[in-house]
Every structure is written in structure tokens, then in C-alpha cells.
PDB file of N, CA and C in Angstrom:
ATOM      1  N   UNK A   1       0.847  -1.174   0.000  1.00  0.00           N
ATOM      2  CA  UNK A   1       0.000   0.000   0.000  1.00  0.00           C
ATOM      3  C   UNK A   1       0.893   1.238   0.000  1.00  0.00           C
ATOM      4  N   UNK A   2       0.469   2.234  -0.721  1.00  0.00           N
ATOM      5  CA  UNK A   2       1.149   3.528  -0.701  1.00  0.00           C
ATOM      6  C   UNK A   2       0.079   4.603  -0.767  1.00  0.00           C
ATOM      7  N   UNK A   3       0.083   5.488   0.209  1.00  0.00           N
ATOM      8  CA  UNK A   3      -0.904   6.579   0.269  1.00  0.00           C
ATOM      9  C   UNK A   3      -2.339   6.046   0.197  1.00  0.00           C
ATOM     10  N   UNK A   4      -2.588   4.901   0.840  1.00  0.00           N
ATOM     11  CA  UNK A   4      -3.925   4.328   0.891  1.00  0.00           C
ATOM     12  C   UNK A   4      -4.346   3.558  -0.348  1.00  0.00           C
ATOM     13  N   UNK A   5      -3.432   3.421  -1.313  1.00  0.00           N
ATOM     14  CA  UNK A   5      -3.744   2.684  -2.542  1.00  0.00           C
ATOM     15  C   UNK A   5      -2.872   1.448  -2.673  1.00  0.00           C
ATOM     16  N   UNK A   6      -3.457   0.410  -3.222  1.00  0.00           N
ATOM     17  CA  UNK A   6      -2.755  -0.845  -3.472  1.00  0.00           C
ATOM     18  C   UNK A   6      -1.695  -0.628  -4.542  1.00  0.00           C
ATOM     19  N   UNK A   7      -0.527  -1.204  -4.336  1.00  0.00           N
ATOM     20  CA  UNK A   7       0.515  -1.139  -5.368  1.00  0.00           C
ATOM     21  C   UNK A   7       0.794  -2.550  -5.859  1.00  0.00           C
ATOM     22  N   UNK A   8       1.785  -3.223  -5.272  1.00  0.00           N
ATOM     23  CA  UNK A   8       2.171  -4.561  -5.713  1.00  0.00           C
ATOM     24  C   UNK A   8       2.886  -5.274  -4.583  1.00  0.00           C
ATOM     25  N   UNK A   9       3.122  -6.578  -4.790  1.00  0.00           N
ATOM     26  CA  UNK A   9       3.963  -7.329  -3.872  1.00  0.00           C
ATOM     27  C   UNK A   9       5.420  -7.129  -4.258  1.00  0.00           C
ATOM     28  N   UNK A  10       6.328  -7.713  -3.485  1.00  0.00           N
ATOM     29  CA  UNK A  10       7.750  -7.523  -3.779  1.00  0.00           C
ATOM     30  C   UNK A  10       8.140  -8.095  -5.137  1.00  0.00           C
ATOM     31  N   UNK A  11       7.431  -9.115  -5.596  1.00  0.00           N
ATOM     32  CA  UNK A  11       7.690  -9.663  -6.934  1.00  0.00           C
ATOM     33  C   UNK A  11       6.391 -10.179  -7.548  1.00  0.00           C
ATOM     34  N   UNK A  12       5.299  -9.505  -7.256  1.00  0.00           N
ATOM     35  CA  UNK A  12       4.004  -9.964  -7.764  1.00  0.00           C
ATOM     36  C   UNK A  12       3.051  -8.802  -7.995  1.00  0.00           C
ATOM     37  N   UNK A  13       2.081  -9.068  -8.834  1.00  0.00           N
ATOM     38  CA  UNK A  13       0.996  -8.142  -9.116  1.00  0.00           C
ATOM     39  C   UNK A  13      -0.207  -8.575  -8.294  1.00  0.00           C
ATOM     40  N   UNK A  14      -1.079  -7.647  -7.942  1.00  0.00           N
ATOM     41  CA  UNK A  14      -2.247  -7.958  -7.125  1.00  0.00           C
ATOM     42  C   UNK A  14      -3.528  -7.724  -7.928  1.00  0.00           C
ATOM     43  N   UNK A  15      -4.455  -8.647  -7.771  1.00  0.00           N
ATOM     44  CA  UNK A  15      -5.782  -8.545  -8.380  1.00  0.00           C
ATOM     45  C   UNK A  15      -6.821  -8.619  -7.271  1.00  0.00           C
ATOM     46  N   UNK A  16      -7.875  -7.822  -7.393  1.00  0.00           N
ATOM     47  CA  UNK A  16      -8.953  -7.802  -6.418  1.00  0.00           C
ATOM     48  C   UNK A  16     -10.253  -8.123  -7.150  1.00  0.00           C
ATOM     49  N   UNK A  17     -10.965  -9.140  -6.675  1.00  0.00           N
ATOM     50  CA  UNK A  17     -12.275  -9.488  -7.227  1.00  0.00           C
ATOM     51  C   UNK A  17     -13.347  -9.004  -6.260  1.00  0.00           C
ATOM     52  N   UNK A  18     -14.296  -8.258  -6.796  1.00  0.00           N
ATOM     53  CA  UNK A  18     -15.411  -7.785  -5.981  1.00  0.00           C
ATOM     54  C   UNK A  18     -16.609  -7.527  -6.886  1.00  0.00           C
ATOM     55  N   UNK A  19     -17.753  -7.991  -6.441  1.00  0.00           N
ATOM     56  CA  UNK A  19     -18.994  -7.754  -7.174  1.00  0.00           C
ATOM     57  C   UNK A  19     -18.911  -8.185  -8.634  1.00  0.00           C
ATOM     58  N   UNK A  20     -18.271  -9.320  -8.881  1.00  0.00           N
ATOM     59  CA  UNK A  20     -18.209  -9.870 -10.232  1.00  0.00           C
ATOM     60  C   UNK A  20     -17.251  -9.172 -11.169  1.00  0.00           C
ATOM     61  N   UNK A  21     -16.355  -8.345 -10.635  1.00  0.00           N
ATOM     62  CA  UNK A  21     -15.402  -7.598 -11.458  1.00  0.00           C
ATOM     63  C   UNK A  21     -13.994  -7.797 -10.921  1.00  0.00           C
ATOM     64  N   UNK A  22     -13.021  -7.722 -11.816  1.00  0.00           N
ATOM     65  CA  UNK A  22     -11.617  -7.880 -11.461  1.00  0.00           C
ATOM     66  C   UNK A  22     -10.924  -6.540 -11.614  1.00  0.00           C
ATOM     67  N   UNK A  23     -10.185  -6.120 -10.586  1.00  0.00           N
ATOM     68  CA  UNK A  23      -9.452  -4.849 -10.639  1.00  0.00           C
ATOM     69  C   UNK A  23      -7.996  -5.083 -10.299  1.00  0.00           C
ATOM     70  N   UNK A  24      -7.135  -4.333 -10.944  1.00  0.00           N
ATOM     71  CA  UNK A  24      -5.710  -4.355 -10.648  1.00  0.00           C
ATOM     72  C   UNK A  24      -5.174  -2.943 -10.844  1.00  0.00           C
ATOM     73  N   UNK A  25      -4.218  -2.540 -10.021  1.00  0.00           N
ATOM     74  CA  UNK A  25      -3.685  -1.185 -10.172  1.00  0.00           C
ATOM     75  C   UNK A  25      -2.973  -1.006 -11.515  1.00  0.00           C
ATOM     76  N   UNK A  26      -2.980   0.213 -12.046  1.00  0.00           N
ATOM     77  CA  UNK A  26      -2.296   0.469 -13.317  1.00  0.00           C
ATOM     78  C   UNK A  26      -0.777   0.466 -13.141  1.00  0.00           C
ATOM     79  N   UNK A  27      -0.094   0.137 -14.215  1.00  0.00           N
ATOM     80  CA  UNK A  27       1.369   0.238 -14.208  1.00  0.00           C
ATOM     81  C   UNK A  27       1.732   1.707 -14.007  1.00  0.00           C
ATOM     82  N   UNK A  28       2.809   1.911 -13.278  1.00  0.00           N
ATOM     83  CA  UNK A  28       3.260   3.283 -13.013  1.00  0.00           C
ATOM     84  C   UNK A  28       4.709   3.223 -12.568  1.00  0.00           C
ATOM     85  N   UNK A  29       5.217   4.357 -12.161  1.00  0.00           N
ATOM     86  CA  UNK A  29       6.592   4.340 -11.642  1.00  0.00           C
ATOM     87  C   UNK A  29       6.664   3.574 -10.323  1.00  0.00           C
ATOM     88  N   UNK A  30       5.517   3.363  -9.672  1.00  0.00           N
ATOM     89  CA  UNK A  30       5.468   2.610  -8.416  1.00  0.00           C
ATOM     90  C   UNK A  30       5.113   1.143  -8.626  1.00  0.00           C
ATOM     91  N   UNK A  31       4.667   0.793  -9.840  1.00  0.00           N
ATOM     92  CA  UNK A  31       4.224  -0.576 -10.115  1.00  0.00           C
ATOM     93  C   UNK A  31       4.885  -1.053 -11.407  1.00  0.00           C
ATOM     94  N   UNK A  32       5.708  -2.071 -11.291  1.00  0.00           N
ATOM     95  CA  UNK A  32       6.417  -2.586 -12.453  1.00  0.00           C
ATOM     96  C   UNK A  32       5.489  -3.383 -13.364  1.00  0.00           C
ATOM     97  N   UNK A  33       5.763  -3.378 -14.664  1.00  0.00           N
ATOM     98  CA  UNK A  33       4.967  -4.209 -15.570  1.00  0.00           C
ATOM     99  C   UNK A  33       5.269  -5.687 -15.310  1.00  0.00           C
ATOM    100  N   UNK A  34       4.288  -6.537 -15.543  1.00  0.00           N
ATOM    101  CA  UNK A  34       4.487  -7.963 -15.333  1.00  0.00           C
ATOM    102  C   UNK A  34       3.864  -8.774 -16.459  1.00  0.00           C
ATOM    103  N   UNK A  35       4.616  -9.725 -16.982  1.00  0.00           N
ATOM    104  CA  UNK A  35       4.091 -10.555 -18.071  1.00  0.00           C
ATOM    105  C   UNK A  35       2.968 -11.453 -17.583  1.00  0.00           C
ATOM    106  N   UNK A  36       3.049 -11.953 -16.367  1.00  0.00           N
ATOM    107  CA  UNK A  36       1.979 -12.798 -15.838  1.00  0.00           C
ATOM    108  C   UNK A  36       0.730 -11.967 -15.604  1.00  0.00           C
ATOM    109  N   UNK A  37       0.885 -10.746 -15.166  1.00  0.00           N
ATOM    110  CA  UNK A  37      -0.246  -9.822 -15.000  1.00  0.00           C
ATOM    111  C   UNK A  37      -0.949  -9.634 -16.332  1.00  0.00           C
ATOM    112  N   UNK A  38      -0.168  -9.338 -17.366  1.00  0.00           N
ATOM    113  CA  UNK A  38      -0.755  -9.126 -18.688  1.00  0.00           C
ATOM    114  C   UNK A  38      -1.453 -10.384 -19.198  1.00  0.00           C
ATOM    115  N   UNK A  39      -0.821 -11.538 -18.988  1.00  0.00           N
ATOM    116  CA  UNK A  39      -1.440 -12.804 -19.419  1.00  0.00           C
ATOM    117  C   UNK A  39      -2.739 -13.048 -18.661  1.00  0.00           C
ATOM    118  N   UNK A  40      -2.740 -12.787 -17.360  1.00  0.00           N
ATOM    119  CA  UNK A  40      -3.951 -13.004 -16.566  1.00  0.00           C
ATOM    120  C   UNK A  40      -5.087 -12.116 -17.063  1.00  0.00           C
ATOM    121  N   UNK A  41      -4.775 -10.882 -17.407  1.00  0.00           N
ATOM    122  CA  UNK A  41      -5.808  -9.998 -17.931  1.00  0.00           C
ATOM    123  C   UNK A  41      -6.362 -10.512 -19.263  1.00  0.00           C
ATOM    124  N   UNK A  42      -5.540 -11.213 -20.015  1.00  0.00           N
ATOM    125  CA  UNK A  42      -6.008 -11.798 -21.280  1.00  0.00           C
ATOM    126  C   UNK A  42      -6.875 -13.024 -21.051  1.00  0.00           C
ATOM    127  N   UNK A  43      -6.423 -13.950 -20.205  1.00  0.00           N
ATOM    128  CA  UNK A  43      -7.163 -15.210 -20.102  1.00  0.00           C
ATOM    129  C   UNK A  43      -8.333 -15.165 -19.134  1.00  0.00           C
ATOM    130  N   UNK A  44      -8.434 -14.178 -18.291  1.00  0.00           N
ATOM    131  CA  UNK A  44      -9.622 -14.024 -17.444  1.00  0.00           C
ATOM    132  C   UNK A  44     -10.615 -13.164 -18.237  1.00  0.00           C
ATOM    133  N   UNK A  45     -11.248 -13.796 -19.210  1.00  0.00           N
ATOM    134  CA  UNK A  45     -12.098 -13.058 -20.140  1.00  0.00           C
ATOM    135  C   UNK A  45     -13.586 -13.171 -19.817  1.00  0.00           C
ATOM    136  N   UNK A  46     -13.932 -13.826 -18.731  1.00  0.00           N
ATOM    137  CA  UNK A  46     -15.341 -14.036 -18.387  1.00  0.00           C
ATOM    138  C   UNK A  46     -15.892 -12.982 -17.424  1.00  0.00           C
ATOM    139  N   UNK A  47     -15.036 -12.117 -16.942  1.00  0.00           N
ATOM    140  CA  UNK A  47     -15.526 -11.102 -16.007  1.00  0.00           C
ATOM    141  C   UNK A  47     -15.005  -9.727 -16.404  1.00  0.00           C
ATOM    142  N   UNK A  48     -15.765  -8.680 -16.112  1.00  0.00           N
ATOM    143  CA  UNK A  48     -15.295  -7.324 -16.411  1.00  0.00           C
ATOM    144  C   UNK A  48     -13.993  -7.040 -15.665  1.00  0.00           C
ATOM    145  N   UNK A  49     -13.132  -6.280 -16.314  1.00  0.00           N
ATOM    146  CA  UNK A  49     -11.838  -5.943 -15.729  1.00  0.00           C
ATOM    147  C   UNK A  49     -11.662  -4.440 -15.696  1.00  0.00           C
ATOM    148  N   UNK A  50     -10.968  -4.002 -14.662  1.00  0.00           N
ATOM    149  CA  UNK A  50     -10.652  -2.581 -14.528  1.00  0.00           C
ATOM    150  C   UNK A  50      -9.198  -2.449 -14.112  1.00  0.00           C
ATOM    151  N   UNK A  51      -8.450  -1.676 -14.862  1.00  0.00           N
ATOM    152  CA  UNK A  51      -7.095  -1.319 -14.480  1.00  0.00           C
ATOM    153  C   UNK A  51      -7.212   0.095 -13.946  1.00  0.00           C
ATOM    154  N   UNK A  52      -7.137   0.201 -12.618  1.00  0.00           N
ATOM    155  CA  UNK A  52      -7.396   1.481 -11.956  1.00  0.00           C
ATOM    156  C   UNK A  52      -6.846   1.438 -10.538  1.00  0.00           C
ATOM    157  N   UNK A  53      -6.728   2.593  -9.897  1.00  0.00           N
ATOM    158  CA  UNK A  53      -6.311   2.593  -8.496  1.00  0.00           C
ATOM    159  C   UNK A  53      -7.295   1.787  -7.640  1.00  0.00           C
ATOM    160  N   UNK A  54      -6.754   1.046  -6.681  1.00  0.00           N
ATOM    161  CA  UNK A  54      -7.560   0.223  -5.773  1.00  0.00           C
ATOM    162  C   UNK A  54      -7.276   0.684  -4.343  1.00  0.00           C
ATOM    163  N   UNK A  55      -8.312   1.120  -3.657  1.00  0.00           N
ATOM    164  CA  UNK A  55      -8.174   1.632  -2.287  1.00  0.00           C
ATOM    165  C   UNK A  55      -8.074   0.495  -1.276  1.00  0.00           C
ATOM    166  N   UNK A  56      -7.478   0.794  -0.145  1.00  0.00           N
ATOM    167  CA  UNK A  56      -7.334  -0.192   0.939  1.00  0.00           C
ATOM    168  C   UNK A  56      -8.686  -0.799   1.318  1.00  0.00           C
ATOM    169  N   UNK A  57      -9.714   0.018   1.392  1.00  0.00           N
ATOM    170  CA  UNK A  57     -11.043  -0.484   1.784  1.00  0.00           C
ATOM    171  C   UNK A  57     -11.550  -1.538   0.804  1.00  0.00           C
ATOM    172  N   UNK A  58     -11.255  -1.376  -0.481  1.00  0.00           N
ATOM    173  CA  UNK A  58     -11.661  -2.378  -1.478  1.00  0.00           C
ATOM    174  C   UNK A  58     -10.919  -3.687  -1.259  1.00  0.00           C
ATOM    175  N   UNK A  59      -9.649  -3.581  -0.948  1.00  0.00           N
ATOM    176  CA  UNK A  59      -8.856  -4.774  -0.682  1.00  0.00           C
ATOM    177  C   UNK A  59      -9.405  -5.504   0.532  1.00  0.00           C
ATOM    178  N   UNK A  60      -9.726  -4.773   1.564  1.00  0.00           N
ATOM    179  CA  UNK A  60     -10.205  -5.374   2.803  1.00  0.00           C
ATOM    180  C   UNK A  60     -11.601  -5.972   2.689  1.00  0.00           C
ATOM    181  N   UNK A  61     -12.400  -5.510   1.741  1.00  0.00           N
ATOM    182  CA  UNK A  61     -13.757  -6.040   1.596  1.00  0.00           C
ATOM    183  C   UNK A  61     -13.917  -6.919   0.348  1.00  0.00           C
ATOM    184  N   UNK A  62     -12.827  -7.291  -0.279  1.00  0.00           N
ATOM    185  CA  UNK A  62     -12.873  -8.051  -1.530  1.00  0.00           C
ATOM    186  C   UNK A  62     -13.476  -9.439  -1.350  1.00  0.00           C
ATOM    187  N   UNK A  63     -14.095  -9.922  -2.413  1.00  0.00           N
ATOM    188  CA  UNK A  63     -14.576 -11.304  -2.445  1.00  0.00           C
ATOM    189  C   UNK A  63     -13.405 -12.268  -2.589  1.00  0.00           C
ATOM    190  N   UNK A  64     -12.413 -11.856  -3.376  1.00  0.00           N
ATOM    191  CA  UNK A  64     -11.201 -12.651  -3.591  1.00  0.00           C
ATOM    192  C   UNK A  64     -10.050 -11.700  -3.863  1.00  0.00           C
ATOM    193  N   UNK A  65      -8.840 -12.142  -3.514  1.00  0.00           N
ATOM    194  CA  UNK A  65      -7.619 -11.422  -3.852  1.00  0.00           C
ATOM    195  C   UNK A  65      -6.650 -12.448  -4.404  1.00  0.00           C
ATOM    196  N   UNK A  66      -5.976 -12.088  -5.486  1.00  0.00           N
ATOM    197  CA  UNK A  66      -4.979 -12.970  -6.085  1.00  0.00           C
ATOM    198  C   UNK A  66      -3.672 -12.211  -6.241  1.00  0.00           C
ATOM    199  N   UNK A  67      -2.592 -12.957  -6.324  1.00  0.00           N
ATOM    200  CA  UNK A  67      -1.317 -12.387  -6.740  1.00  0.00           C
ATOM    201  C   UNK A  67      -0.847 -13.173  -7.956  1.00  0.00           C
ATOM    202  N   UNK A  68      -0.094 -12.511  -8.804  1.00  0.00           N
ATOM    203  CA  UNK A  68       0.437 -13.151 -10.006  1.00  0.00           C
ATOM    204  C   UNK A  68       1.914 -12.824 -10.123  1.00  0.00           C
ATOM    205  N   UNK A  69       2.703 -13.841 -10.445  1.00  0.00           N
ATOM    206  CA  UNK A  69       4.129 -13.624 -10.657  1.00  0.00           C
ATOM    207  C   UNK A  69       4.644 -14.649 -11.654  1.00  0.00           C
ATOM    208  N   UNK A  70       5.730 -14.317 -12.310  1.00  0.00           N
ATOM    209  CA  UNK A  70       6.301 -15.213 -13.317  1.00  0.00           C
ATOM    210  C   UNK A  70       6.721 -16.547 -12.703  1.00  0.00           C
ATOM    211  N   UNK A  71       7.242 -16.508 -11.498  1.00  0.00           N
ATOM    212  CA  UNK A  71       7.741 -17.728 -10.881  1.00  0.00           C
ATOM    213  C   UNK A  71       6.677 -18.624 -10.279  1.00  0.00           C
ATOM    214  N   UNK A  72       5.539 -18.055  -9.890  1.00  0.00           N
ATOM    215  CA  UNK A  72       4.519 -18.840  -9.181  1.00  0.00           C
ATOM    216  C   UNK A  72       3.178 -18.917  -9.885  1.00  0.00           C
ATOM    217  N   UNK A  73       2.977 -18.144 -10.944  1.00  0.00           N
ATOM    218  CA  UNK A  73       1.693 -18.151 -11.627  1.00  0.00           C
ATOM    219  C   UNK A  73       0.691 -17.266 -10.910  1.00  0.00           C
ATOM    220  N   UNK A  74      -0.552 -17.727 -10.862  1.00  0.00           N
ATOM    221  CA  UNK A  74      -1.637 -16.972 -10.234  1.00  0.00           C
ATOM    222  C   UNK A  74      -2.054 -17.710  -8.966  1.00  0.00           C
ATOM    223  N   UNK A  75      -1.916 -17.046  -7.825  1.00  0.00           N
ATOM    224  CA  UNK A  75      -2.173 -17.682  -6.532  1.00  0.00           C
ATOM    225  C   UNK A  75      -3.251 -16.928  -5.756  1.00  0.00           C
ATOM    226  N   UNK A  76      -4.048 -17.653  -4.966  1.00  0.00           N
ATOM    227  CA  UNK A  76      -5.047 -16.974  -4.133  1.00  0.00           C
ATOM    228  C   UNK A  76      -4.392 -16.400  -2.881  1.00  0.00           C
ATOM    229  N   UNK A  77      -4.932 -15.292  -2.427  1.00  0.00           N
ATOM    230  CA  UNK A  77      -4.541 -14.720  -1.135  1.00  0.00           C
ATOM    231  C   UNK A  77      -5.713 -15.014  -0.209  1.00  0.00           C
ATOM    232  N   UNK A  78      -5.462 -15.738   0.864  1.00  0.00           N
ATOM    233  CA  UNK A  78      -6.551 -16.121   1.762  1.00  0.00           C
ATOM    234  C   UNK A  78      -6.555 -15.325   3.065  1.00  0.00           C
ATOM    235  N   UNK A  79      -5.437 -14.641   3.362  1.00  0.00           N
ATOM    236  CA  UNK A  79      -5.362 -13.830   4.574  1.00  0.00           C
ATOM    237  C   UNK A  79      -4.540 -12.579   4.277  1.00  0.00           C
ATOM    238  N   UNK A  80      -4.962 -11.455   4.837  1.00  0.00           N
ATOM    239  CA  UNK A  80      -4.206 -10.210   4.747  1.00  0.00           C
ATOM    240  C   UNK A  80      -4.094  -9.657   6.161  1.00  0.00           C
ATOM    241  N   UNK A  81      -2.874  -9.453   6.594  1.00  0.00           N
ATOM    242  CA  UNK A  81      -2.624  -8.960   7.949  1.00  0.00           C
ATOM    243  C   UNK A  81      -3.327  -9.818   8.998  1.00  0.00           C
ATOM    244  N   UNK A  82      -3.325 -11.127   8.776  1.00  0.00           N
ATOM    245  CA  UNK A  82      -3.912 -12.060   9.733  1.00  0.00           C
ATOM    246  C   UNK A  82      -5.411 -12.234   9.629  1.00  0.00           C
ATOM    247  N   UNK A  83      -6.071 -11.425   8.818  1.00  0.00           N
ATOM    248  CA  UNK A  83      -7.531 -11.521   8.662  1.00  0.00           C
ATOM    249  C   UNK A  83      -7.876 -12.254   7.381  1.00  0.00           C
ATOM    250  N   UNK A  84      -8.911 -13.089   7.412  1.00  0.00           N
ATOM    251  CA  UNK A  84      -9.270 -13.830   6.200  1.00  0.00           C
ATOM    252  C   UNK A  84      -9.813 -12.912   5.108  1.00  0.00           C
ATOM    253  N   UNK A  85      -9.495 -13.256   3.884  1.00  0.00           N
ATOM    254  CA  UNK A  85     -10.129 -12.622   2.732  1.00  0.00           C
ATOM    255  C   UNK A  85     -11.419 -13.396   2.502  1.00  0.00           C
ATOM    256  N   UNK A  86     -12.541 -12.737   2.603  1.00  0.00           N
ATOM    257  CA  UNK A  86     -13.873 -13.367   2.474  1.00  0.00           C
ATOM    258  C   UNK A  86     -13.940 -14.588   3.390  1.00  0.00           C
ATOM    259  N   UNK A  87     -14.059 -15.798   2.841  1.00  0.00           N
ATOM    260  CA  UNK A  87     -14.183 -17.010   3.652  1.00  0.00           C
ATOM    261  C   UNK A  87     -12.843 -17.540   4.149  1.00  0.00           C
ATOM    262  N   UNK A  88     -11.748 -16.966   3.661  1.00  0.00           N
ATOM    263  CA  UNK A  88     -10.426 -17.470   4.031  1.00  0.00           C
ATOM    264  C   UNK A  88      -9.993 -18.655   3.182  1.00  0.00           C
ATOM    265  N   UNK A  89     -10.748 -18.965   2.141  1.00  0.00           N
ATOM    266  CA  UNK A  89     -10.435 -20.075   1.239  1.00  0.00           C
ATOM    267  C   UNK A  89     -10.314 -19.535  -0.189  1.00  0.00           C
ATOM    268  N   UNK A  90      -9.552 -20.230  -1.061  1.00  0.00           N
ATOM    269  CA  UNK A  90      -9.529 -19.817  -2.466  1.00  0.00           C
ATOM    270  C   UNK A  90     -10.952 -19.794  -3.026  1.00  0.00           C
ATOM    271  N   UNK A  91     -11.274 -18.745  -3.769  1.00  0.00           N
ATOM    272  CA  UNK A  91     -12.629 -18.567  -4.271  1.00  0.00           C
ATOM    273  C   UNK A  91     -12.858 -19.159  -5.648  1.00  0.00           C
ATOM    274  N   UNK A  92     -14.105 -19.181  -6.089  1.00  0.00           N
ATOM    275  CA  UNK A  92     -14.454 -19.789  -7.377  1.00  0.00           C
ATOM    276  C   UNK A  92     -13.857 -19.048  -8.577  1.00  0.00           C
ATOM    277  N   UNK A  93     -13.716 -17.738  -8.498  1.00  0.00           N
ATOM    278  CA  UNK A  93     -13.111 -17.024  -9.630  1.00  0.00           C
ATOM    279  C   UNK A  93     -11.629 -17.369  -9.747  1.00  0.00           C
ATOM    280  N   UNK A  94     -10.950 -17.499  -8.608  1.00  0.00           N
ATOM    281  CA  UNK A  94      -9.545 -17.908  -8.661  1.00  0.00           C
ATOM    282  C   UNK A  94      -9.428 -19.317  -9.224  1.00  0.00           C
ATOM    283  N   UNK A  95     -10.298 -20.224  -8.814  1.00  0.00           N
ATOM    284  CA  UNK A  95     -10.228 -21.597  -9.339  1.00  0.00           C
ATOM    285  C   UNK A  95     -10.364 -21.594 -10.860  1.00  0.00           C
ATOM    286  N   UNK A  96     -11.271 -20.778 -11.353  1.00  0.00           N
ATOM    287  CA  UNK A  96     -11.451 -20.673 -12.802  1.00  0.00           C
ATOM    288  C   UNK A  96     -10.216 -20.036 -13.453  1.00  0.00           C
ATOM    289  N   UNK A  97      -9.663 -19.002 -12.822  1.00  0.00           N
ATOM    290  CA  UNK A  97      -8.456 -18.355 -13.348  1.00  0.00           C
ATOM    291  C   UNK A  97      -7.273 -19.312 -13.336  1.00  0.00           C
ATOM    292  N   UNK A  98      -7.159 -20.094 -12.281  1.00  0.00           N
ATOM    293  CA  UNK A  98      -6.058 -21.058 -12.193  1.00  0.00           C
ATOM    294  C   UNK A  98      -6.162 -22.100 -13.303  1.00  0.00           C
ATOM    295  N   UNK A  99      -7.356 -22.592 -13.561  1.00  0.00           N
ATOM    296  CA  UNK A  99      -7.555 -23.564 -14.649  1.00  0.00           C
ATOM    297  C   UNK A  99      -7.198 -22.930 -15.994  1.00  0.00           C
ATOM    298  N   UNK A 100      -7.586 -21.677 -16.200  1.00  0.00           N
ATOM    299  CA  UNK A 100      -7.251 -20.981 -17.442  1.00  0.00           C
ATOM    300  C   UNK A 100      -5.733 -20.787 -17.552  1.00  0.00           C
ATOM    301  N   UNK A 101      -5.084 -20.459 -16.444  1.00  0.00           N
ATOM    302  CA  UNK A 101      -3.624 -20.305 -16.422  1.00  0.00           C
ATOM    303  C   UNK A 101      -2.947 -21.626 -16.792  1.00  0.00           C
ATOM    304  N   UNK A 102      -3.427 -22.726 -16.248  1.00  0.00           N
ATOM    305  CA  UNK A 102      -2.843 -24.027 -16.575  1.00  0.00           C
ATOM    306  C   UNK A 102      -3.028 -24.356 -18.048  1.00  0.00           C
ATOM    307  N   UNK A 103      -4.196 -24.048 -18.624  1.00  0.00           N
ATOM    308  CA  UNK A 103      -4.407 -24.260 -20.063  1.00  0.00           C
ATOM    309  C   UNK A 103      -3.439 -23.401 -20.876  1.00  0.00           C
ATOM    310  N   UNK A 104      -3.232 -22.174 -20.425  1.00  0.00           N
ATOM    311  CA  UNK A 104      -2.285 -21.264 -21.082  1.00  0.00           C
ATOM    312  C   UNK A 104      -0.878 -21.868 -21.067  1.00  0.00           C
ATOM    313  N   UNK A 105      -0.442 -22.363 -19.922  1.00  0.00           N
ATOM    314  CA  UNK A 105       0.883 -22.981 -19.821  1.00  0.00           C
ATOM    315  C   UNK A 105       0.985 -24.234 -20.674  1.00  0.00           C
ATOM    316  N   UNK A 106      -0.074 -25.047 -20.683  1.00  0.00           N
ATOM    317  CA  UNK A 106      -0.077 -26.249 -21.521  1.00  0.00           C
ATOM    318  C   UNK A 106       0.042 -25.902 -22.996  1.00  0.00           C
ATOM    319  N   UNK A 107      -0.629 -24.844 -23.416  1.00  0.00           N
ATOM    320  CA  UNK A 107      -0.553 -24.418 -24.819  1.00  0.00           C
ATOM    321  C   UNK A 107       0.871 -23.967 -25.165  1.00  0.00           C
ATOM    322  N   UNK A 108       1.502 -23.262 -24.258  1.00  0.00           N
ATOM    323  CA  UNK A 108       2.876 -22.836 -24.490  1.00  0.00           C
ATOM    324  C   UNK A 108       3.792 -24.052 -24.571  1.00  0.00           C
ATOM    325  N   UNK A 109       3.620 -24.993 -23.641  1.00  0.00           N
ATOM    326  CA  UNK A 109       4.478 -26.175 -23.598  1.00  0.00           C
ATOM    327  C   UNK A 109       4.316 -27.049 -24.829  1.00  0.00           C
ATOM    328  N   UNK A 110       3.136 -27.054 -25.432  1.00  0.00           N
ATOM    329  CA  UNK A 110       2.912 -27.905 -26.595  1.00  0.00           C
ATOM    330  C   UNK A 110       3.289 -27.234 -27.916  1.00  0.00           C
ATOM    331  N   UNK A 111       3.675 -25.969 -27.850  1.00  0.00           N
ATOM    332  CA  UNK A 111       4.091 -25.258 -29.056  1.00  0.00           C
ATOM    333  C   UNK A 111       5.516 -25.648 -29.414  1.00  0.00           C
ATOM    334  N   UNK A 112       5.782 -25.810 -30.705  1.00  0.00           N
ATOM    335  CA  UNK A 112       7.167 -26.154 -31.079  1.00  0.00           C
ATOM    336  C   UNK A 112       8.106 -24.992 -30.775  1.00  0.00           C
ATOM    337  N   UNK A 113       9.347 -25.305 -30.442  1.00  0.00           N
ATOM    338  CA  UNK A 113      10.308 -24.221 -30.165  1.00  0.00           C
ATOM    339  C   UNK A 113      10.566 -23.411 -31.431  1.00  0.00           C
ATOM    340  N   UNK A 114      10.952 -22.186 -31.227  1.00  0.00           N
ATOM    341  CA  UNK A 114      11.242 -21.298 -32.382  1.00  0.00           C
ATOM    342  C   UNK A 114      12.534 -21.658 -33.039  1.00  0.00           C
TER     343      UNK A 114
END
């Protein structure tokens, strides 16, 4: 968090799901671009997406929170500062995103090398 707005993890991008929509902070001098972030925005095509500032209150009341990184893929966040995110379990939108991410990786792996 910086000035009450969500930024990023030390090596990950953050996504917030609320009310059937996915939000992630915009790239800026405070937020590095991420290839996994961009891929996630492409393959999560079933829900509206917003690239915009995300306030702390939105993070704290989110239905789901995910992080994305090149090394780990797309992971659910189940607790923030010791408090559960929603039910404290990975949510249905993350499960769908994870399945889409795995299909994306499988497609890459099955492509012939350049």
C-alpha cells in the first residue's frame, strides 16, 4: 500500500475481485509491468476488468484477492494482515483463473520451439 492505494507485492501483481469484477492497479513508476499480470488480464475473459487505483477499503472487503508472478503463476490470497479474505479459502473465480492459467501454460508447452 502507498498513500492508501494498493501497489504490488515484492515480486508480484495484485488482483482484487469484488462484485463480479476484477481490478488491478495500473502500471506506473510505483508498479512494475508484469508478463503474468498481462497474461492473466487476457485469459480471465469471463468477467469485467478494470485497471485502476484500488483503495485499501476495497482490498479489505474483496470477495477474492490474487497475486500473479512469473515464478509462481496466479495464486489466491486467503489472509491479509492475519484476517481472512472473504471465507479465508480460495474462491471460485480464482479456481477458474487457475484452470485458465494451466491451459495457457499447456498451450505454451505444446508449441514447437522457435
